[in-house]
mmCIF file of all heavy atoms, coordinates in Angstrom:
data_MODEL
# 
_entry.id   MODEL 
# 
loop_
_atom_site.group_PDB 
_atom_site.id 
_atom_site.type_symbol 
_atom_site.label_atom_id 
_atom_site.label_alt_id 
_atom_site.label_comp_id 
_atom_site.label_asym_id 
_atom_site.label_entity_id 
_atom_site.label_seq_id 
_atom_site.pdbx_PDB_ins_code 
_atom_site.Cartn_x 
_atom_site.Cartn_y 
_atom_site.Cartn_z 
_atom_site.occupancy 
_atom_site.B_iso_or_equiv 
_atom_site.pdbx_formal_charge 
_atom_site.auth_seq_id 
_atom_site.auth_comp_id 
_atom_site.auth_asym_id 
_atom_site.auth_atom_id 
_atom_site.pdbx_PDB_model_num 
ATOM 1   N N   . VAL A 1 1  ? 8.434   18.474  -8.345 1.00 0.00 ? 1  VAL A N   1 
ATOM 2   C CA  . VAL A 1 1  ? 9.174   17.546  -7.492 1.00 0.00 ? 1  VAL A CA  1 
ATOM 3   C C   . VAL A 1 1  ? 8.272   17.010  -6.373 1.00 0.00 ? 1  VAL A C   1 
ATOM 4   O O   . VAL A 1 1  ? 8.232   15.797  -6.102 1.00 0.00 ? 1  VAL A O   1 
ATOM 5   C CB  . VAL A 1 1  ? 10.417  18.233  -6.884 1.00 0.00 ? 1  VAL A CB  1 
ATOM 6   C CG1 . VAL A 1 1  ? 11.096  17.314  -5.856 1.00 0.00 ? 1  VAL A CG1 1 
ATOM 7   C CG2 . VAL A 1 1  ? 11.397  18.620  -7.976 1.00 0.00 ? 1  VAL A CG2 1 
ATOM 8   N N   . ILE A 1 2  ? 7.553   17.895  -5.726 1.00 0.00 ? 2  ILE A N   1 
ATOM 9   C CA  . ILE A 1 2  ? 6.704   17.498  -4.593 1.00 0.00 ? 2  ILE A CA  1 
ATOM 10  C C   . ILE A 1 2  ? 5.554   16.616  -5.069 1.00 0.00 ? 2  ILE A C   1 
ATOM 11  O O   . ILE A 1 2  ? 5.197   15.630  -4.405 1.00 0.00 ? 2  ILE A O   1 
ATOM 12  C CB  . ILE A 1 2  ? 6.194   18.746  -3.855 1.00 0.00 ? 2  ILE A CB  1 
ATOM 13  C CG1 . ILE A 1 2  ? 7.367   19.446  -3.161 1.00 0.00 ? 2  ILE A CG1 1 
ATOM 14  C CG2 . ILE A 1 2  ? 5.126   18.379  -2.833 1.00 0.00 ? 2  ILE A CG2 1 
ATOM 15  C CD1 . ILE A 1 2  ? 7.052   20.815  -2.652 1.00 0.00 ? 2  ILE A CD1 1 
ATOM 16  N N   . ASP A 1 3  ? 4.970   16.950  -6.214 1.00 0.00 ? 3  ASP A N   1 
ATOM 17  C CA  . ASP A 1 3  ? 3.901   16.098  -6.753 1.00 0.00 ? 3  ASP A CA  1 
ATOM 18  C C   . ASP A 1 3  ? 4.434   14.704  -7.086 1.00 0.00 ? 3  ASP A C   1 
ATOM 19  O O   . ASP A 1 3  ? 3.737   13.696  -6.876 1.00 0.00 ? 3  ASP A O   1 
ATOM 20  C CB  . ASP A 1 3  ? 3.292   16.738  -8.004 1.00 0.00 ? 3  ASP A CB  1 
ATOM 21  C CG  . ASP A 1 3  ? 2.437   17.957  -7.676 1.00 0.00 ? 3  ASP A CG  1 
ATOM 22  O OD1 . ASP A 1 3  ? 2.106   18.151  -6.487 1.00 0.00 ? 3  ASP A OD1 1 
ATOM 23  O OD2 . ASP A 1 3  ? 2.103   18.720  -8.617 1.00 0.00 ? 3  ASP A OD2 1 
ATOM 24  N N   . ALA A 1 4  ? 5.664   14.637  -7.582 1.00 0.00 ? 4  ALA A N   1 
ATOM 25  C CA  . ALA A 1 4  ? 6.268   13.333  -7.876 1.00 0.00 ? 4  ALA A CA  1 
ATOM 26  C C   . ALA A 1 4  ? 6.548   12.574  -6.582 1.00 0.00 ? 4  ALA A C   1 
ATOM 27  O O   . ALA A 1 4  ? 6.372   11.351  -6.507 1.00 0.00 ? 4  ALA A O   1 
ATOM 28  C CB  . ALA A 1 4  ? 7.552   13.520  -8.680 1.00 0.00 ? 4  ALA A CB  1 
ATOM 29  N N   . GLN A 1 5  ? 6.985   13.294  -5.539 1.00 0.00 ? 5  GLN A N   1 
ATOM 30  C CA  . GLN A 1 5  ? 7.172   12.650  -4.237 1.00 0.00 ? 5  GLN A CA  1 
ATOM 31  C C   . GLN A 1 5  ? 5.841   12.124  -3.707 1.00 0.00 ? 5  GLN A C   1 
ATOM 32  O O   . GLN A 1 5  ? 5.785   11.039  -3.109 1.00 0.00 ? 5  GLN A O   1 
ATOM 33  C CB  . GLN A 1 5  ? 7.762   13.648  -3.237 1.00 0.00 ? 5  GLN A CB  1 
ATOM 34  C CG  . GLN A 1 5  ? 9.226   13.971  -3.475 1.00 0.00 ? 5  GLN A CG  1 
ATOM 35  C CD  . GLN A 1 5  ? 9.754   14.971  -2.460 1.00 0.00 ? 5  GLN A CD  1 
ATOM 36  O OE1 . GLN A 1 5  ? 9.009   15.787  -1.909 1.00 0.00 ? 5  GLN A OE1 1 
ATOM 37  N NE2 . GLN A 1 5  ? 11.053  14.924  -2.196 1.00 0.00 ? 5  GLN A NE2 1 
ATOM 38  N N   . ARG A 1 6  ? 4.798   12.881  -3.920 1.00 0.00 ? 6  ARG A N   1 
ATOM 39  C CA  . ARG A 1 6  ? 3.468   12.452  -3.486 1.00 0.00 ? 6  ARG A CA  1 
ATOM 40  C C   . ARG A 1 6  ? 3.055   11.172  -4.208 1.00 0.00 ? 6  ARG A C   1 
ATOM 41  O O   . ARG A 1 6  ? 2.458   10.260  -3.606 1.00 0.00 ? 6  ARG A O   1 
ATOM 42  C CB  . ARG A 1 6  ? 2.456   13.572  -3.757 1.00 0.00 ? 6  ARG A CB  1 
ATOM 43  C CG  . ARG A 1 6  ? 1.008   13.206  -3.483 1.00 0.00 ? 6  ARG A CG  1 
ATOM 44  C CD  . ARG A 1 6  ? 0.789   12.840  -2.042 1.00 0.00 ? 6  ARG A CD  1 
ATOM 45  N NE  . ARG A 1 6  ? -0.597  12.526  -1.766 1.00 0.00 ? 6  ARG A NE  1 
ATOM 46  C CZ  . ARG A 1 6  ? -0.989  11.690  -0.819 1.00 0.00 ? 6  ARG A CZ  1 
ATOM 47  N NH1 . ARG A 1 6  ? -0.104  11.072  -0.073 1.00 0.00 ? 6  ARG A NH1 1 
ATOM 48  N NH2 . ARG A 1 6  ? -2.264  11.461  -0.621 1.00 0.00 ? 6  ARG A NH2 1 
ATOM 49  N N   . ALA A 1 7  ? 3.382   11.076  -5.493 1.00 0.00 ? 7  ALA A N   1 
ATOM 50  C CA  . ALA A 1 7  ? 3.065   9.860   -6.250 1.00 0.00 ? 7  ALA A CA  1 
ATOM 51  C C   . ALA A 1 7  ? 3.813   8.661   -5.672 1.00 0.00 ? 7  ALA A C   1 
ATOM 52  O O   . ALA A 1 7  ? 3.242   7.564   -5.553 1.00 0.00 ? 7  ALA A O   1 
ATOM 53  C CB  . ALA A 1 7  ? 3.410   10.057  -7.722 1.00 0.00 ? 7  ALA A CB  1 
ATOM 54  N N   . VAL A 1 8  ? 5.084   8.863   -5.300 1.00 0.00 ? 8  VAL A N   1 
ATOM 55  C CA  . VAL A 1 8  ? 5.850   7.782   -4.682 1.00 0.00 ? 8  VAL A CA  1 
ATOM 56  C C   . VAL A 1 8  ? 5.228   7.407   -3.339 1.00 0.00 ? 8  VAL A C   1 
ATOM 57  O O   . VAL A 1 8  ? 5.093   6.227   -2.998 1.00 0.00 ? 8  VAL A O   1 
ATOM 58  C CB  . VAL A 1 8  ? 7.328   8.184   -4.497 1.00 0.00 ? 8  VAL A CB  1 
ATOM 59  C CG1 . VAL A 1 8  ? 8.090   7.099   -3.736 1.00 0.00 ? 8  VAL A CG1 1 
ATOM 60  C CG2 . VAL A 1 8  ? 7.984   8.452   -5.840 1.00 0.00 ? 8  VAL A CG2 1 
ATOM 61  N N   . GLN A 1 9  ? 4.819   8.410   -2.581 1.00 0.00 ? 9  GLN A N   1 
ATOM 62  C CA  . GLN A 1 9  ? 4.201   8.162   -1.286 1.00 0.00 ? 9  GLN A CA  1 
ATOM 63  C C   . GLN A 1 9  ? 2.913   7.356   -1.446 1.00 0.00 ? 9  GLN A C   1 
ATOM 64  O O   . GLN A 1 9  ? 2.642   6.428   -0.663 1.00 0.00 ? 9  GLN A O   1 
ATOM 65  C CB  . GLN A 1 9  ? 3.906   9.492   -0.582 1.00 0.00 ? 9  GLN A CB  1 
ATOM 66  C CG  . GLN A 1 9  ? 3.455   9.336   0.861  1.00 0.00 ? 9  GLN A CG  1 
ATOM 67  C CD  . GLN A 1 9  ? 3.077   10.665  1.483  1.00 0.00 ? 9  GLN A CD  1 
ATOM 68  O OE1 . GLN A 1 9  ? 2.474   11.515  0.834  1.00 0.00 ? 9  GLN A OE1 1 
ATOM 69  N NE2 . GLN A 1 9  ? 3.418   10.855  2.747  1.00 0.00 ? 9  GLN A NE2 1 
ATOM 70  N N   . GLN A 1 10 ? 2.119   7.685   -2.454 1.00 0.00 ? 10 GLN A N   1 
ATOM 71  C CA  . GLN A 1 10 ? 0.894   6.931   -2.694 1.00 0.00 ? 10 GLN A CA  1 
ATOM 72  C C   . GLN A 1 10 ? 1.210   5.489   -3.077 1.00 0.00 ? 10 GLN A C   1 
ATOM 73  O O   . GLN A 1 10 ? 0.492   4.562   -2.682 1.00 0.00 ? 10 GLN A O   1 
ATOM 74  C CB  . GLN A 1 10 ? 0.079   7.615   -3.796 1.00 0.00 ? 10 GLN A CB  1 
ATOM 75  C CG  . GLN A 1 10 ? -0.558  8.922   -3.345 1.00 0.00 ? 10 GLN A CG  1 
ATOM 76  C CD  . GLN A 1 10 ? -1.217  9.676   -4.486 1.00 0.00 ? 10 GLN A CD  1 
ATOM 77  O OE1 . GLN A 1 10 ? -0.708  9.711   -5.603 1.00 0.00 ? 10 GLN A OE1 1 
ATOM 78  N NE2 . GLN A 1 10 ? -2.361  10.264  -4.223 1.00 0.00 ? 10 GLN A NE2 1 
ATOM 79  N N   . THR A 1 11 ? 2.294   5.293   -3.830 1.00 0.00 ? 11 THR A N   1 
ATOM 80  C CA  . THR A 1 11 ? 2.702   3.937   -4.185 1.00 0.00 ? 11 THR A CA  1 
ATOM 81  C C   . THR A 1 11 ? 3.103   3.148   -2.945 1.00 0.00 ? 11 THR A C   1 
ATOM 82  O O   . THR A 1 11 ? 2.734   1.972   -2.799 1.00 0.00 ? 11 THR A O   1 
ATOM 83  C CB  . THR A 1 11 ? 3.882   3.975   -5.179 1.00 0.00 ? 11 THR A CB  1 
ATOM 84  O OG1 . THR A 1 11 ? 3.495   4.688   -6.341 1.00 0.00 ? 11 THR A OG1 1 
ATOM 85  C CG2 . THR A 1 11 ? 4.305   2.569   -5.573 1.00 0.00 ? 11 THR A CG2 1 
ATOM 86  N N   . VAL A 1 12 ? 3.853   3.791   -2.050 1.00 0.00 ? 12 VAL A N   1 
ATOM 87  C CA  . VAL A 1 12 ? 4.228   3.138   -0.794 1.00 0.00 ? 12 VAL A CA  1 
ATOM 88  C C   . VAL A 1 12 ? 2.968   2.784   0.001  1.00 0.00 ? 12 VAL A C   1 
ATOM 89  O O   . VAL A 1 12 ? 2.848   1.677   0.550  1.00 0.00 ? 12 VAL A O   1 
ATOM 90  C CB  . VAL A 1 12 ? 5.157   4.039   0.036  1.00 0.00 ? 12 VAL A CB  1 
ATOM 91  C CG1 . VAL A 1 12 ? 5.428   3.419   1.414  1.00 0.00 ? 12 VAL A CG1 1 
ATOM 92  C CG2 . VAL A 1 12 ? 6.466   4.286   -0.695 1.00 0.00 ? 12 VAL A CG2 1 
ATOM 93  N N   . GLY A 1 13 ? 2.025   3.719   0.061  1.00 0.00 ? 13 GLY A N   1 
ATOM 94  C CA  . GLY A 1 13 ? 0.771   3.452   0.762  1.00 0.00 ? 13 GLY A CA  1 
ATOM 95  C C   . GLY A 1 13 ? -0.005  2.301   0.134  1.00 0.00 ? 13 GLY A C   1 
ATOM 96  O O   . GLY A 1 13 ? -0.567  1.457   0.846  1.00 0.00 ? 13 GLY A O   1 
ATOM 97  N N   . ASP A 1 14 ? -0.012  2.241   -1.194 1.00 0.00 ? 14 ASP A N   1 
ATOM 98  C CA  . ASP A 1 14 ? -0.693  1.135   -1.878 1.00 0.00 ? 14 ASP A CA  1 
ATOM 99  C C   . ASP A 1 14 ? -0.014  -0.196  -1.573 1.00 0.00 ? 14 ASP A C   1 
ATOM 100 O O   . ASP A 1 14 ? -0.685  -1.225  -1.403 1.00 0.00 ? 14 ASP A O   1 
ATOM 101 C CB  . ASP A 1 14 ? -0.706  1.384   -3.387 1.00 0.00 ? 14 ASP A CB  1 
ATOM 102 C CG  . ASP A 1 14 ? -1.635  2.528   -3.784 1.00 0.00 ? 14 ASP A CG  1 
ATOM 103 O OD1 . ASP A 1 14 ? -2.525  2.869   -2.978 1.00 0.00 ? 14 ASP A OD1 1 
ATOM 104 O OD2 . ASP A 1 14 ? -1.466  3.070   -4.898 1.00 0.00 ? 14 ASP A OD2 1 
ATOM 105 N N   . ASP A 1 15 ? 1.323   -0.181  -1.498 1.00 0.00 ? 15 ASP A N   1 
ATOM 106 C CA  . ASP A 1 15 ? 2.069   -1.407  -1.162 1.00 0.00 ? 15 ASP A CA  1 
ATOM 107 C C   . ASP A 1 15 ? 1.695   -1.890  0.243  1.00 0.00 ? 15 ASP A C   1 
ATOM 108 O O   . ASP A 1 15 ? 1.474   -3.091  0.464  1.00 0.00 ? 15 ASP A O   1 
ATOM 109 C CB  . ASP A 1 15 ? 3.578   -1.161  -1.236 1.00 0.00 ? 15 ASP A CB  1 
ATOM 110 C CG  . ASP A 1 15 ? 4.069   -0.941  -2.661 1.00 0.00 ? 15 ASP A CG  1 
ATOM 111 O OD1 . ASP A 1 15 ? 3.321   -1.272  -3.608 1.00 0.00 ? 15 ASP A OD1 1 
ATOM 112 O OD2 . ASP A 1 15 ? 5.198   -0.420  -2.824 1.00 0.00 ? 15 ASP A OD2 1 
ATOM 113 N N   . VAL A 1 16 ? 1.632   -0.959  1.182  1.00 0.00 ? 16 VAL A N   1 
ATOM 114 C CA  . VAL A 1 16 ? 1.285   -1.320  2.560  1.00 0.00 ? 16 VAL A CA  1 
ATOM 115 C C   . VAL A 1 16 ? -0.143  -1.825  2.628  1.00 0.00 ? 16 VAL A C   1 
ATOM 116 O O   . VAL A 1 16 ? -0.435  -2.848  3.277  1.00 0.00 ? 16 VAL A O   1 
ATOM 117 C CB  . VAL A 1 16 ? 1.467   -0.114  3.511  1.00 0.00 ? 16 VAL A CB  1 
ATOM 118 C CG1 . VAL A 1 16 ? 0.991   -0.468  4.911  1.00 0.00 ? 16 VAL A CG1 1 
ATOM 119 C CG2 . VAL A 1 16 ? 2.914   0.320   3.547  1.00 0.00 ? 16 VAL A CG2 1 
ATOM 120 N N   . ARG A 1 17 ? -1.046  -1.128  1.943  1.00 0.00 ? 17 ARG A N   1 
ATOM 121 C CA  . ARG A 1 17 ? -2.448  -1.527  1.966  1.00 0.00 ? 17 ARG A CA  1 
ATOM 122 C C   . ARG A 1 17 ? -2.642  -2.904  1.333  1.00 0.00 ? 17 ARG A C   1 
ATOM 123 O O   . ARG A 1 17 ? -3.420  -3.722  1.826  1.00 0.00 ? 17 ARG A O   1 
ATOM 124 C CB  . ARG A 1 17 ? -3.295  -0.477  1.235  1.00 0.00 ? 17 ARG A CB  1 
ATOM 125 C CG  . ARG A 1 17 ? -4.785  -0.711  1.351  1.00 0.00 ? 17 ARG A CG  1 
ATOM 126 C CD  . ARG A 1 17 ? -5.577  0.554   1.121  1.00 0.00 ? 17 ARG A CD  1 
ATOM 127 N NE  . ARG A 1 17 ? -5.076  1.348   0.017  1.00 0.00 ? 17 ARG A NE  1 
ATOM 128 C CZ  . ARG A 1 17 ? -5.511  2.568   -0.261 1.00 0.00 ? 17 ARG A CZ  1 
ATOM 129 N NH1 . ARG A 1 17 ? -6.430  3.122   0.503  1.00 0.00 ? 17 ARG A NH1 1 
ATOM 130 N NH2 . ARG A 1 17 ? -5.033  3.243   -1.284 1.00 0.00 ? 17 ARG A NH2 1 
ATOM 131 N N   . ALA A 1 18 ? -1.907  -3.176  0.248  1.00 0.00 ? 18 ALA A N   1 
ATOM 132 C CA  . ALA A 1 18 ? -2.008  -4.476  -0.410 1.00 0.00 ? 18 ALA A CA  1 
ATOM 133 C C   . ALA A 1 18 ? -1.490  -5.585  0.508  1.00 0.00 ? 18 ALA A C   1 
ATOM 134 O O   . ALA A 1 18 ? -2.089  -6.665  0.600  1.00 0.00 ? 18 ALA A O   1 
ATOM 135 C CB  . ALA A 1 18 ? -1.229  -4.462  -1.721 1.00 0.00 ? 18 ALA A CB  1 
ATOM 136 N N   . ARG A 1 19 ? -0.362  -5.324  1.186  1.00 0.00 ? 19 ARG A N   1 
ATOM 137 C CA  . ARG A 1 19 ? 0.186   -6.318  2.102  1.00 0.00 ? 19 ARG A CA  1 
ATOM 138 C C   . ARG A 1 19 ? -0.773  -6.573  3.261  1.00 0.00 ? 19 ARG A C   1 
ATOM 139 O O   . ARG A 1 19 ? -1.006  -7.727  3.648  1.00 0.00 ? 19 ARG A O   1 
ATOM 140 C CB  . ARG A 1 19 ? 1.536   -5.835  2.627  1.00 0.00 ? 19 ARG A CB  1 
ATOM 141 C CG  . ARG A 1 19 ? 2.156   -6.706  3.710  1.00 0.00 ? 19 ARG A CG  1 
ATOM 142 C CD  . ARG A 1 19 ? 2.448   -8.102  3.216  1.00 0.00 ? 19 ARG A CD  1 
ATOM 143 N NE  . ARG A 1 19 ? 3.083   -8.903  4.259  1.00 0.00 ? 19 ARG A NE  1 
ATOM 144 C CZ  . ARG A 1 19 ? 3.252   -10.207 4.194  1.00 0.00 ? 19 ARG A CZ  1 
ATOM 145 N NH1 . ARG A 1 19 ? 2.852   -10.874 3.107  1.00 0.00 ? 19 ARG A NH1 1 
ATOM 146 N NH2 . ARG A 1 19 ? 3.830   -10.874 5.182  1.00 0.00 ? 19 ARG A NH2 1 
ATOM 147 N N   . ALA A 1 20 ? -1.347  -5.503  3.814  1.00 0.00 ? 20 ALA A N   1 
ATOM 148 C CA  . ALA A 1 20 ? -2.296  -5.660  4.913  1.00 0.00 ? 20 ALA A CA  1 
ATOM 149 C C   . ALA A 1 20 ? -3.537  -6.413  4.451  1.00 0.00 ? 20 ALA A C   1 
ATOM 150 O O   . ALA A 1 20 ? -4.091  -7.246  5.186  1.00 0.00 ? 20 ALA A O   1 
ATOM 151 C CB  . ALA A 1 20 ? -2.679  -4.288  5.471  1.00 0.00 ? 20 ALA A CB  1 
ATOM 152 N N   . ALA A 1 21 ? -3.995  -6.130  3.225  1.00 0.00 ? 21 ALA A N   1 
ATOM 153 C CA  . ALA A 1 21 ? -5.157  -6.836  2.687  1.00 0.00 ? 21 ALA A CA  1 
ATOM 154 C C   . ALA A 1 21 ? -4.851  -8.322  2.490  1.00 0.00 ? 21 ALA A C   1 
ATOM 155 O O   . ALA A 1 21 ? -5.704  -9.182  2.748  1.00 0.00 ? 21 ALA A O   1 
ATOM 156 C CB  . ALA A 1 21 ? -5.579  -6.209  1.365  1.00 0.00 ? 21 ALA A CB  1 
ATOM 157 N N   . ASP A 1 22 ? -3.624  -8.634  2.047  1.00 0.00 ? 22 ASP A N   1 
ATOM 158 C CA  . ASP A 1 22 ? -3.219  -10.042 1.906  1.00 0.00 ? 22 ASP A CA  1 
ATOM 159 C C   . ASP A 1 22 ? -3.233  -10.740 3.259  1.00 0.00 ? 22 ASP A C   1 
ATOM 160 O O   . ASP A 1 22 ? -3.689  -11.892 3.377  1.00 0.00 ? 22 ASP A O   1 
ATOM 161 C CB  . ASP A 1 22 ? -1.824  -10.135 1.286  1.00 0.00 ? 22 ASP A CB  1 
ATOM 162 C CG  . ASP A 1 22 ? -1.813  -9.769  -0.192 1.00 0.00 ? 22 ASP A CG  1 
ATOM 163 O OD1 . ASP A 1 22 ? -2.901  -9.762  -0.803 1.00 0.00 ? 22 ASP A OD1 1 
ATOM 164 O OD2 . ASP A 1 22 ? -0.724  -9.477  -0.718 1.00 0.00 ? 22 ASP A OD2 1 
ATOM 165 N N   . LEU A 1 23 ? -2.708  -10.056 4.280  1.00 0.00 ? 23 LEU A N   1 
ATOM 166 C CA  . LEU A 1 23 ? -2.694  -10.639 5.615  1.00 0.00 ? 23 LEU A CA  1 
ATOM 167 C C   . LEU A 1 23 ? -4.109  -10.855 6.126  1.00 0.00 ? 23 LEU A C   1 
ATOM 168 O O   . LEU A 1 23 ? -4.403  -11.869 6.779  1.00 0.00 ? 23 LEU A O   1 
ATOM 169 C CB  . LEU A 1 23 ? -1.931  -9.729  6.581  1.00 0.00 ? 23 LEU A CB  1 
ATOM 170 C CG  . LEU A 1 23 ? -0.423  -9.611  6.352  1.00 0.00 ? 23 LEU A CG  1 
ATOM 171 C CD1 . LEU A 1 23 ? 0.169   -8.548  7.271  1.00 0.00 ? 23 LEU A CD1 1 
ATOM 172 C CD2 . LEU A 1 23 ? 0.265   -10.958 6.588  1.00 0.00 ? 23 LEU A CD2 1 
ATOM 173 N N   . ARG A 1 24 ? -4.993  -9.921  5.828  1.00 0.00 ? 24 ARG A N   1 
ATOM 174 C CA  . ARG A 1 24 ? -6.390  -10.063 6.263  1.00 0.00 ? 24 ARG A CA  1 
ATOM 175 C C   . ARG A 1 24 ? -7.046  -11.245 5.565  1.00 0.00 ? 24 ARG A C   1 
ATOM 176 O O   . ARG A 1 24 ? -7.778  -12.016 6.188  1.00 0.00 ? 24 ARG A O   1 
ATOM 177 C CB  . ARG A 1 24 ? -7.143  -8.768  5.959  1.00 0.00 ? 24 ARG A CB  1 
ATOM 178 C CG  . ARG A 1 24 ? -8.540  -8.735  6.551  1.00 0.00 ? 24 ARG A CG  1 
ATOM 179 C CD  . ARG A 1 24 ? -9.235  -7.435  6.234  1.00 0.00 ? 24 ARG A CD  1 
ATOM 180 N NE  . ARG A 1 24 ? -10.387 -7.226  7.081  1.00 0.00 ? 24 ARG A NE  1 
ATOM 181 C CZ  . ARG A 1 24 ? -11.215 -6.191  6.972  1.00 0.00 ? 24 ARG A CZ  1 
ATOM 182 N NH1 . ARG A 1 24 ? -10.996 -5.262  6.061  1.00 0.00 ? 24 ARG A NH1 1 
ATOM 183 N NH2 . ARG A 1 24 ? -12.245 -6.079  7.774  1.00 0.00 ? 24 ARG A NH2 1 
ATOM 184 N N   . ARG A 1 25 ? -6.781  -11.398 4.263  1.00 0.00 ? 25 ARG A N   1 
ATOM 185 C CA  . ARG A 1 25 ? -7.348  -12.517 3.527  1.00 0.00 ? 25 ARG A CA  1 
ATOM 186 C C   . ARG A 1 25 ? -6.799  -13.845 4.042  1.00 0.00 ? 25 ARG A C   1 
ATOM 187 O O   . ARG A 1 25 ? -7.538  -14.809 4.240  1.00 0.00 ? 25 ARG A O   1 
ATOM 188 C CB  . ARG A 1 25 ? -7.042  -12.370 2.033  1.00 0.00 ? 25 ARG A CB  1 
ATOM 189 C CG  . ARG A 1 25 ? -7.698  -13.457 1.177  1.00 0.00 ? 25 ARG A CG  1 
ATOM 190 C CD  . ARG A 1 25 ? -7.324  -13.343 -0.278 1.00 0.00 ? 25 ARG A CD  1 
ATOM 191 N NE  . ARG A 1 25 ? -5.898  -13.519 -0.476 1.00 0.00 ? 25 ARG A NE  1 
ATOM 192 C CZ  . ARG A 1 25 ? -5.064  -12.552 -0.817 1.00 0.00 ? 25 ARG A CZ  1 
ATOM 193 N NH1 . ARG A 1 25 ? -5.509  -11.320 -0.981 1.00 0.00 ? 25 ARG A NH1 1 
ATOM 194 N NH2 . ARG A 1 25 ? -3.767  -12.795 -0.979 1.00 0.00 ? 25 ARG A NH2 1 
ATOM 195 N N   . ASP A 1 26 ? -5.479  -13.882 4.300  1.00 0.00 ? 26 ASP A N   1 
ATOM 196 C CA  . ASP A 1 26 ? -4.873  -15.106 4.830  1.00 0.00 ? 26 ASP A CA  1 
ATOM 197 C C   . ASP A 1 26 ? -5.459  -15.459 6.196  1.00 0.00 ? 26 ASP A C   1 
ATOM 198 O O   . ASP A 1 26 ? -5.728  -16.637 6.484  1.00 0.00 ? 26 ASP A O   1 
ATOM 199 C CB  . ASP A 1 26 ? -3.356  -14.941 4.946  1.00 0.00 ? 26 ASP A CB  1 
ATOM 200 C CG  . ASP A 1 26 ? -2.677  -14.822 3.589  1.00 0.00 ? 26 ASP A CG  1 
ATOM 201 O OD1 . ASP A 1 26 ? -3.324  -15.168 2.565  1.00 0.00 ? 26 ASP A OD1 1 
ATOM 202 O OD2 . ASP A 1 26 ? -1.509  -14.381 3.541  1.00 0.00 ? 26 ASP A OD2 1 
ATOM 203 N N   . ALA A 1 27 ? -5.629  -14.428 7.038  1.00 0.00 ? 27 ALA A N   1 
ATOM 204 C CA  . ALA A 1 27 ? -6.205  -14.675 8.358  1.00 0.00 ? 27 ALA A CA  1 
ATOM 205 C C   . ALA A 1 27 ? -7.633  -15.189 8.245  1.00 0.00 ? 27 ALA A C   1 
ATOM 206 O O   . ALA A 1 27 ? -8.047  -16.083 9.004  1.00 0.00 ? 27 ALA A O   1 
ATOM 207 C CB  . ALA A 1 27 ? -6.170  -13.390 9.190  1.00 0.00 ? 27 ALA A CB  1 
ATOM 208 N N   . ALA A 1 28 ? -8.394  -14.646 7.287  1.00 0.00 ? 28 ALA A N   1 
ATOM 209 C CA  . ALA A 1 28 ? -9.775  -15.103 7.092  1.00 0.00 ? 28 ALA A CA  1 
ATOM 210 C C   . ALA A 1 28 ? -9.800  -16.548 6.617  1.00 0.00 ? 28 ALA A C   1 
ATOM 211 O O   . ALA A 1 28 ? -10.632 -17.354 7.067  1.00 0.00 ? 28 ALA A O   1 
ATOM 212 C CB  . ALA A 1 28 ? -10.476 -14.198 6.092  1.00 0.00 ? 28 ALA A CB  1 
ATOM 213 N N   . LEU A 1 29 ? -8.882  -16.908 5.705  1.00 0.00 ? 29 LEU A N   1 
ATOM 214 C CA  . LEU A 1 29 ? -8.833  -18.286 5.199  1.00 0.00 ? 29 LEU A CA  1 
ATOM 215 C C   . LEU A 1 29 ? -8.434  -19.261 6.305  1.00 0.00 ? 29 LEU A C   1 
ATOM 216 O O   . LEU A 1 29 ? -9.014  -20.347 6.422  1.00 0.00 ? 29 LEU A O   1 
ATOM 217 C CB  . LEU A 1 29 ? -7.844  -18.373 4.028  1.00 0.00 ? 29 LEU A CB  1 
ATOM 218 C CG  . LEU A 1 29 ? -8.265  -17.671 2.734  1.00 0.00 ? 29 LEU A CG  1 
ATOM 219 C CD1 . LEU A 1 29 ? -7.140  -17.712 1.707  1.00 0.00 ? 29 LEU A CD1 1 
ATOM 220 C CD2 . LEU A 1 29 ? -9.530  -18.322 2.163  1.00 0.00 ? 29 LEU A CD2 1 
# 
């Protein structure tokens, strides 16, 4: 259960990182 929660947490982190990276790219453009 905890390992599966960790996988969800990593997915949430990837979503945040992707959004932040998009914002950084938009700001650079």
